Amino acid sequence: MRVSKAEEYGIRLVASLAASGGQLTTRELAEREGLPEATVSKVVLRLRRAGLVEASRGRRGGYTLARPPAEITLLEVIETIEGPVAVDECVTDYAGECLMLSTLLPTSLASVTFTVTDVSGPLVYNAGDNHDDDGDSDGTSITIDRPD
């Protein structure tokens, strides 16, 4: 699956807000992610309209996540930015039957949530809420390096 630039920006901005643990301005988000402020404003507006991000006005205004990061899925962010995921290809399962990616992909993306593990390192997305007895995640992780 290819992720568009706009989708990537949405994912990065949600991850930055998750990592900050608080409120960030458009300028702060742009600086953290190495993006133009105008681009950040457009993407954050979409995220806000979808109810993923909340805005506060005034001198101390900025953006925060509307829900805890673990409750926001990668699918929600992608569909907020570009619309419903539509893939009309199939993959073959072990029995040789065609499985539509349009059914599998959204289900997979809906299991990936945002988990902050190390705010100074790469951004890590954990798939599912699978934790073993010692609290460690047993799910699949997607790691995206931060821009320099």
N, C-alpha and C. Protein backbone atom coordinates (compact mmCIF):
# COMPACT_ATOMS: atom_id res chain seq x y z
N MET A 1 0.85 -1.18 0.00
CA MET A 1 0.00 0.00 0.00
C MET A 1 0.88 1.23 0.00
N ARG A 2 0.57 2.16 -0.85
CA ARG A 2 1.28 3.43 -0.88
C ARG A 2 0.50 4.46 -0.09
N VAL A 3 1.22 5.24 0.66
CA VAL A 3 0.62 6.30 1.47
C VAL A 3 0.95 7.63 0.79
N SER A 4 -0.06 8.45 0.55
CA SER A 4 0.16 9.74 -0.09
C SER A 4 0.91 10.67 0.87
N LYS A 5 1.47 11.73 0.32
CA LYS A 5 2.16 12.73 1.16
C LYS A 5 1.20 13.29 2.21
N ALA A 6 -0.02 13.62 1.80
CA ALA A 6 -0.99 14.19 2.74
C ALA A 6 -1.30 13.20 3.86
N GLU A 7 -1.45 11.91 3.52
CA GLU A 7 -1.70 10.89 4.54
C GLU A 7 -0.51 10.77 5.48
N GLU A 8 0.69 10.78 4.91
CA GLU A 8 1.90 10.74 5.73
C GLU A 8 1.94 11.92 6.69
N TYR A 9 1.62 13.11 6.20
CA TYR A 9 1.63 14.29 7.06
C TYR A 9 0.61 14.15 8.19
N GLY A 10 -0.58 13.64 7.86
CA GLY A 10 -1.59 13.43 8.88
C GLY A 10 -1.12 12.48 9.96
N ILE A 11 -0.49 11.39 9.55
CA ILE A 11 0.03 10.40 10.49
C ILE A 11 1.11 11.04 11.36
N ARG A 12 2.02 11.77 10.73
CA ARG A 12 3.10 12.41 11.48
C ARG A 12 2.57 13.45 12.47
N LEU A 13 1.57 14.22 12.08
CA LEU A 13 1.04 15.24 12.97
C LEU A 13 0.31 14.63 14.16
N VAL A 14 -0.46 13.58 13.91
CA VAL A 14 -1.13 12.88 15.02
C VAL A 14 -0.07 12.29 15.95
N ALA A 15 0.97 11.69 15.38
CA ALA A 15 2.04 11.11 16.20
C ALA A 15 2.77 12.19 17.00
N SER A 16 3.00 13.35 16.41
CA SER A 16 3.66 14.44 17.14
C SER A 16 2.81 14.92 18.30
N LEU A 17 1.52 15.05 18.07
CA LEU A 17 0.63 15.47 19.15
C LEU A 17 0.60 14.41 20.25
N ALA A 18 0.62 13.14 19.85
CA ALA A 18 0.64 12.06 20.83
C ALA A 18 1.93 12.11 21.65
N ALA A 19 3.05 12.31 20.97
CA ALA A 19 4.35 12.34 21.65
C ALA A 19 4.49 13.54 22.57
N SER A 20 3.85 14.65 22.20
CA SER A 20 3.98 15.86 23.02
C SER A 20 3.25 15.72 24.35
N GLY A 21 2.20 14.91 24.35
CA GLY A 21 1.42 14.74 25.57
C GLY A 21 0.65 15.99 25.97
N GLY A 22 0.64 16.97 25.11
CA GLY A 22 -0.07 18.21 25.43
C GLY A 22 -0.47 18.95 24.18
N GLN A 23 -0.39 20.25 24.27
CA GLN A 23 -0.86 21.12 23.20
C GLN A 23 0.31 21.68 22.41
N LEU A 24 0.15 21.75 21.09
CA LEU A 24 1.16 22.33 20.21
C LEU A 24 0.50 23.30 19.25
N THR A 25 1.21 24.37 18.91
CA THR A 25 0.71 25.32 17.92
C THR A 25 1.05 24.82 16.52
N THR A 26 0.48 25.47 15.53
CA THR A 26 0.78 25.14 14.14
C THR A 26 2.27 25.30 13.90
N ARG A 27 2.84 26.37 14.40
CA ARG A 27 4.28 26.62 14.22
C ARG A 27 5.12 25.52 14.86
N GLU A 28 4.76 25.12 16.07
CA GLU A 28 5.51 24.06 16.75
C GLU A 28 5.42 22.73 15.99
N LEU A 29 4.24 22.41 15.51
CA LEU A 29 4.07 21.19 14.72
C LEU A 29 4.91 21.25 13.44
N ALA A 30 4.89 22.40 12.78
CA ALA A 30 5.65 22.57 11.55
C ALA A 30 7.15 22.41 11.81
N GLU A 31 7.63 23.00 12.90
CA GLU A 31 9.05 22.89 13.24
C GLU A 31 9.43 21.45 13.60
N ARG A 32 8.60 20.80 14.39
CA ARG A 32 8.88 19.41 14.79
C ARG A 32 8.96 18.47 13.60
N GLU A 33 8.07 18.68 12.64
CA GLU A 33 7.97 17.76 11.51
C GLU A 33 8.67 18.24 10.25
N GLY A 34 9.24 19.44 10.29
CA GLY A 34 9.93 19.95 9.11
C GLY A 34 9.01 20.20 7.93
N LEU A 35 7.80 20.68 8.22
CA LEU A 35 6.80 20.94 7.19
C LEU A 35 6.46 22.42 7.16
N PRO A 36 5.99 22.92 6.01
CA PRO A 36 5.53 24.31 5.96
C PRO A 36 4.29 24.51 6.84
N GLU A 37 4.19 25.66 7.48
CA GLU A 37 3.04 25.95 8.34
C GLU A 37 1.72 25.86 7.58
N ALA A 38 1.71 26.30 6.33
CA ALA A 38 0.47 26.26 5.54
C ALA A 38 0.00 24.81 5.35
N THR A 39 0.94 23.90 5.13
CA THR A 39 0.60 22.49 4.98
C THR A 39 0.06 21.93 6.28
N VAL A 40 0.71 22.25 7.38
CA VAL A 40 0.26 21.80 8.69
C VAL A 40 -1.15 22.30 8.96
N SER A 41 -1.41 23.57 8.65
CA SER A 41 -2.75 24.15 8.88
C SER A 41 -3.83 23.40 8.11
N LYS A 42 -3.55 23.06 6.85
CA LYS A 42 -4.53 22.35 6.03
C LYS A 42 -4.81 20.95 6.58
N VAL A 43 -3.76 20.25 6.94
CA VAL A 43 -3.92 18.88 7.42
C VAL A 43 -4.60 18.87 8.78
N VAL A 44 -4.20 19.77 9.68
CA VAL A 44 -4.80 19.84 11.01
C VAL A 44 -6.29 20.21 10.91
N LEU A 45 -6.65 21.04 9.95
CA LEU A 45 -8.05 21.40 9.77
C LEU A 45 -8.87 20.15 9.44
N ARG A 46 -8.37 19.30 8.56
CA ARG A 46 -9.07 18.04 8.24
C ARG A 46 -9.19 17.15 9.48
N LEU A 47 -8.10 17.06 10.23
CA LEU A 47 -8.11 16.23 11.44
C LEU A 47 -9.10 16.77 12.48
N ARG A 48 -9.18 18.10 12.56
CA ARG A 48 -10.11 18.73 13.51
C ARG A 48 -11.56 18.50 13.08
N ARG A 49 -11.84 18.66 11.81
CA ARG A 49 -13.20 18.44 11.30
C ARG A 49 -13.67 17.01 11.51
N ALA A 50 -12.73 16.07 11.51
CA ALA A 50 -13.06 14.65 11.72
C ALA A 50 -13.16 14.30 13.20
N GLY A 51 -12.84 15.23 14.06
CA GLY A 51 -12.93 14.98 15.50
C GLY A 51 -11.73 14.26 16.09
N LEU A 52 -10.62 14.23 15.36
CA LEU A 52 -9.41 13.58 15.88
C LEU A 52 -8.54 14.56 16.67
N VAL A 53 -8.68 15.84 16.35
CA VAL A 53 -7.88 16.89 16.98
C VAL A 53 -8.82 17.98 17.48
N GLU A 54 -8.47 18.57 18.61
CA GLU A 54 -9.23 19.70 19.15
C GLU A 54 -8.36 20.94 19.12
N ALA A 55 -9.01 22.08 18.90
CA ALA A 55 -8.28 23.35 18.85
C ALA A 55 -8.73 24.24 19.99
N SER A 56 -7.79 25.01 20.50
CA SER A 56 -8.12 26.05 21.47
C SER A 56 -7.53 27.36 20.96
N ARG A 57 -8.28 28.43 21.13
CA ARG A 57 -7.87 29.73 20.60
C ARG A 57 -7.19 30.57 21.67
N GLY A 58 -6.65 31.67 21.23
CA GLY A 58 -6.05 32.62 22.16
C GLY A 58 -4.53 32.53 22.18
N ARG A 59 -3.95 33.33 23.07
CA ARG A 59 -2.50 33.39 23.17
C ARG A 59 -1.88 32.04 23.47
N ARG A 60 -2.56 31.26 24.25
CA ARG A 60 -2.04 29.95 24.62
C ARG A 60 -2.77 28.83 23.86
N GLY A 61 -3.25 29.18 22.69
CA GLY A 61 -4.00 28.22 21.89
C GLY A 61 -3.10 27.22 21.19
N GLY A 62 -3.73 26.24 20.61
CA GLY A 62 -3.00 25.21 19.89
C GLY A 62 -3.89 24.01 19.66
N TYR A 63 -3.26 22.89 19.39
CA TYR A 63 -3.98 21.67 19.07
C TYR A 63 -3.60 20.55 20.03
N THR A 64 -4.58 19.73 20.35
CA THR A 64 -4.38 18.52 21.15
C THR A 64 -5.18 17.40 20.49
N LEU A 65 -4.84 16.17 20.84
CA LEU A 65 -5.64 15.06 20.36
C LEU A 65 -6.98 15.05 21.08
N ALA A 66 -8.02 14.71 20.37
CA ALA A 66 -9.37 14.69 20.94
C ALA A 66 -9.60 13.45 21.81
N ARG A 67 -8.80 12.41 21.57
CA ARG A 67 -8.90 11.16 22.32
C ARG A 67 -7.50 10.69 22.67
N PRO A 68 -7.38 9.75 23.58
CA PRO A 68 -6.05 9.18 23.86
C PRO A 68 -5.47 8.56 22.58
N PRO A 69 -4.15 8.64 22.39
CA PRO A 69 -3.54 8.11 21.17
C PRO A 69 -3.88 6.65 20.88
N ALA A 70 -4.00 5.85 21.91
CA ALA A 70 -4.29 4.42 21.72
C ALA A 70 -5.71 4.18 21.19
N GLU A 71 -6.54 5.22 21.18
CA GLU A 71 -7.90 5.09 20.66
C GLU A 71 -8.05 5.64 19.25
N ILE A 72 -6.97 6.15 18.69
CA ILE A 72 -6.98 6.69 17.32
C ILE A 72 -6.28 5.69 16.43
N THR A 73 -6.98 5.26 15.37
CA THR A 73 -6.39 4.25 14.49
C THR A 73 -5.77 4.89 13.25
N LEU A 74 -4.85 4.15 12.68
CA LEU A 74 -4.22 4.57 11.44
C LEU A 74 -5.27 4.70 10.34
N LEU A 75 -6.25 3.80 10.32
CA LEU A 75 -7.32 3.87 9.34
C LEU A 75 -8.08 5.19 9.44
N GLU A 76 -8.40 5.62 10.66
CA GLU A 76 -9.12 6.88 10.84
C GLU A 76 -8.34 8.05 10.25
N VAL A 77 -7.05 8.09 10.50
CA VAL A 77 -6.23 9.19 10.00
C VAL A 77 -6.18 9.17 8.48
N ILE A 78 -5.93 8.00 7.90
CA ILE A 78 -5.84 7.89 6.44
C ILE A 78 -7.17 8.25 5.79
N GLU A 79 -8.28 7.75 6.31
CA GLU A 79 -9.58 8.06 5.72
C GLU A 79 -9.99 9.51 5.93
N THR A 80 -9.52 10.13 6.99
CA THR A 80 -9.79 11.55 7.21
C THR A 80 -9.11 12.39 6.14
N ILE A 81 -7.92 12.00 5.77
CA ILE A 81 -7.14 12.79 4.81
C ILE A 81 -7.57 12.53 3.37
N GLU A 82 -7.73 11.27 2.98
CA GLU A 82 -7.97 10.94 1.57
C GLU A 82 -9.30 10.27 1.29
N GLY A 83 -10.10 9.99 2.30
CA GLY A 83 -11.36 9.30 2.06
C GLY A 83 -11.21 7.81 2.27
N PRO A 84 -12.29 7.06 2.05
CA PRO A 84 -12.28 5.62 2.30
C PRO A 84 -11.18 4.89 1.52
N VAL A 85 -10.60 3.90 2.18
CA VAL A 85 -9.59 3.07 1.54
C VAL A 85 -10.30 2.15 0.55
N ALA A 86 -9.89 2.21 -0.71
CA ALA A 86 -10.50 1.37 -1.74
C ALA A 86 -9.40 0.68 -2.53
N VAL A 87 -9.32 -0.61 -2.39
CA VAL A 87 -8.34 -1.40 -3.12
C VAL A 87 -9.10 -2.52 -3.81
N ASP A 88 -8.95 -2.62 -5.12
CA ASP A 88 -9.68 -3.63 -5.87
C ASP A 88 -8.79 -4.75 -6.38
N GLU A 89 -7.83 -5.15 -5.57
CA GLU A 89 -6.95 -6.25 -5.93
C GLU A 89 -7.15 -7.37 -4.93
N CYS A 90 -6.67 -8.53 -5.29
CA CYS A 90 -6.80 -9.63 -4.35
C CYS A 90 -5.45 -10.25 -4.07
N VAL A 91 -5.38 -10.92 -2.95
CA VAL A 91 -4.21 -11.73 -2.62
C VAL A 91 -4.71 -13.16 -2.47
N THR A 92 -3.83 -14.10 -2.71
CA THR A 92 -4.22 -15.50 -2.63
C THR A 92 -3.91 -16.04 -1.25
N ASP A 93 -4.90 -16.66 -0.64
CA ASP A 93 -4.67 -17.26 0.68
C ASP A 93 -4.05 -18.64 0.51
N TYR A 94 -3.84 -19.34 1.61
CA TYR A 94 -3.19 -20.64 1.58
C TYR A 94 -3.99 -21.68 0.78
N ALA A 95 -5.29 -21.50 0.68
CA ALA A 95 -6.12 -22.45 -0.07
C ALA A 95 -6.21 -22.06 -1.54
N GLY A 96 -5.53 -20.99 -1.94
CA GLY A 96 -5.55 -20.57 -3.33
C GLY A 96 -6.74 -19.71 -3.69
N GLU A 97 -7.52 -19.26 -2.70
CA GLU A 97 -8.68 -18.43 -2.97
C GLU A 97 -8.29 -16.95 -2.94
N CYS A 98 -8.98 -16.16 -3.73
CA CYS A 98 -8.73 -14.73 -3.81
C CYS A 98 -9.40 -14.02 -2.64
N LEU A 99 -8.60 -13.28 -1.89
CA LEU A 99 -9.14 -12.48 -0.81
C LEU A 99 -9.03 -11.02 -1.23
N MET A 100 -10.10 -10.29 -1.17
CA MET A 100 -10.08 -8.89 -1.59
C MET A 100 -9.33 -8.04 -0.58
N LEU A 101 -8.35 -7.30 -1.06
CA LEU A 101 -7.61 -6.39 -0.19
C LEU A 101 -8.53 -5.30 0.37
N SER A 102 -9.59 -4.99 -0.36
CA SER A 102 -10.50 -3.96 0.12
C SER A 102 -11.17 -4.38 1.43
N THR A 103 -11.23 -5.69 1.69
CA THR A 103 -11.77 -6.19 2.95
C THR A 103 -10.67 -6.32 4.00
N LEU A 104 -9.51 -6.81 3.59
CA LEU A 104 -8.42 -7.07 4.53
C LEU A 104 -7.72 -5.80 5.00
N LEU A 105 -7.44 -4.88 4.08
CA LEU A 105 -6.63 -3.72 4.41
C LEU A 105 -7.28 -2.82 5.46
N PRO A 106 -8.55 -2.40 5.28
CA PRO A 106 -9.14 -1.56 6.32
C PRO A 106 -9.17 -2.23 7.69
N THR A 107 -9.41 -3.53 7.73
CA THR A 107 -9.41 -4.25 9.00
C THR A 107 -8.03 -4.20 9.64
N SER A 108 -7.00 -4.38 8.83
CA SER A 108 -5.63 -4.33 9.35
C SER A 108 -5.28 -2.93 9.84
N LEU A 109 -5.60 -1.92 9.05
CA LEU A 109 -5.28 -0.55 9.43
C LEU A 109 -6.05 -0.11 10.67
N ALA A 110 -7.25 -0.66 10.86
CA ALA A 110 -8.06 -0.31 12.03
C ALA A 110 -7.47 -0.87 13.32
N SER A 111 -6.53 -1.82 13.20
CA SER A 111 -5.93 -2.39 14.41
C SER A 111 -4.65 -1.67 14.81
N VAL A 112 -4.19 -0.72 13.98
CA VAL A 112 -2.96 0.01 14.30
C VAL A 112 -3.33 1.30 15.00
N THR A 113 -2.82 1.46 16.23
CA THR A 113 -3.07 2.66 17.01
C THR A 113 -1.75 3.35 17.32
N PHE A 114 -1.81 4.53 17.87
CA PHE A 114 -0.63 5.31 18.17
C PHE A 114 -0.20 5.06 19.61
N THR A 115 1.05 4.64 19.79
CA THR A 115 1.60 4.40 21.11
C THR A 115 2.92 5.14 21.22
N VAL A 116 3.04 5.96 22.22
CA VAL A 116 4.28 6.71 22.42
C VAL A 116 5.21 5.86 23.27
N THR A 117 6.38 5.55 22.70
CA THR A 117 7.35 4.74 23.45
C THR A 117 8.60 5.54 23.81
N ASP A 118 9.07 6.38 22.90
CA ASP A 118 10.27 7.17 23.14
C ASP A 118 10.12 8.45 22.34
N VAL A 119 9.86 9.56 23.02
CA VAL A 119 9.56 10.80 22.31
C VAL A 119 10.75 11.36 21.56
N SER A 120 11.96 10.93 21.87
CA SER A 120 13.12 11.46 21.17
C SER A 120 13.52 10.61 19.97
N GLY A 121 13.04 9.40 19.92
CA GLY A 121 13.42 8.48 18.85
C GLY A 121 12.42 8.47 17.72
N PRO A 122 12.44 7.38 16.94
CA PRO A 122 11.51 7.26 15.83
C PRO A 122 10.07 7.14 16.33
N LEU A 123 9.13 7.43 15.45
CA LEU A 123 7.72 7.28 15.78
C LEU A 123 7.37 5.81 15.61
N VAL A 124 6.70 5.23 16.59
CA VAL A 124 6.36 3.81 16.55
C VAL A 124 4.86 3.66 16.66
N TYR A 125 4.27 2.88 15.76
CA TYR A 125 2.84 2.60 15.78
C TYR A 125 2.67 1.12 16.08
N ASN A 126 1.91 0.79 17.07
CA ASN A 126 1.71 -0.61 17.44
C ASN A 126 0.37 -1.10 16.94
N ALA A 127 0.36 -2.28 16.36
CA ALA A 127 -0.87 -2.88 15.84
C ALA A 127 -1.54 -3.66 16.96
N GLY A 128 -2.76 -3.33 17.21
CA GLY A 128 -3.56 -4.05 18.20
C GLY A 128 -3.23 -3.67 19.62
N ASP A 129 -3.98 -4.22 20.52
CA ASP A 129 -3.81 -3.95 21.94
C ASP A 129 -3.36 -5.25 22.60
N ASN A 130 -2.37 -5.89 22.00
CA ASN A 130 -1.91 -7.18 22.48
C ASN A 130 -0.79 -7.00 23.48
N HIS A 131 -1.06 -7.28 24.73
CA HIS A 131 -0.04 -7.16 25.77
C HIS A 131 0.05 -8.49 26.50
N ASP A 132 1.28 -8.91 26.78
CA ASP A 132 1.44 -10.14 27.53
C ASP A 132 1.38 -9.84 29.03
N ASP A 133 1.66 -10.83 29.84
CA ASP A 133 1.52 -10.69 31.29
C ASP A 133 2.40 -9.61 31.89
N ASP A 134 3.55 -9.32 31.27
CA ASP A 134 4.42 -8.29 31.85
C ASP A 134 4.15 -6.91 31.26
N GLY A 135 3.07 -6.77 30.47
CA GLY A 135 2.66 -5.47 29.96
C GLY A 135 3.30 -5.06 28.65
N ASP A 136 4.21 -5.88 28.11
CA ASP A 136 4.84 -5.55 26.85
C ASP A 136 3.90 -5.82 25.69
N SER A 137 3.98 -4.99 24.67
CA SER A 137 3.14 -5.18 23.49
C SER A 137 3.65 -6.36 22.68
N ASP A 138 2.73 -7.22 22.27
CA ASP A 138 3.07 -8.34 21.41
C ASP A 138 2.59 -8.11 19.99
N GLY A 139 2.06 -6.92 19.71
CA GLY A 139 1.52 -6.62 18.39
C GLY A 139 2.60 -6.23 17.40
N THR A 140 2.20 -6.05 16.17
CA THR A 140 3.09 -5.63 15.11
C THR A 140 3.36 -4.14 15.28
N SER A 141 4.58 -3.70 14.99
CA SER A 141 4.93 -2.29 15.09
C SER A 141 5.33 -1.75 13.74
N ILE A 142 4.99 -0.51 13.49
CA ILE A 142 5.43 0.22 12.32
C ILE A 142 6.27 1.36 12.85
N THR A 143 7.50 1.48 12.38
CA THR A 143 8.38 2.55 12.86
C THR A 143 8.65 3.52 11.73
N ILE A 144 8.48 4.80 12.00
CA ILE A 144 8.75 5.85 11.01
C ILE A 144 9.79 6.76 11.63
N ASP A 145 10.93 6.93 10.95
CA ASP A 145 11.96 7.81 11.46
C ASP A 145 11.52 9.25 11.35
N ARG A 146 11.89 10.03 12.34
CA ARG A 146 11.61 11.46 12.33
C ARG A 146 12.55 12.14 11.34
N PRO A 147 12.08 13.23 10.72
CA PRO A 147 12.99 13.96 9.82
C PRO A 147 14.09 14.64 10.63
N ASP A 148 15.26 14.77 10.05
CA ASP A 148 16.38 15.43 10.75
C ASP A 148 16.21 16.92 10.80
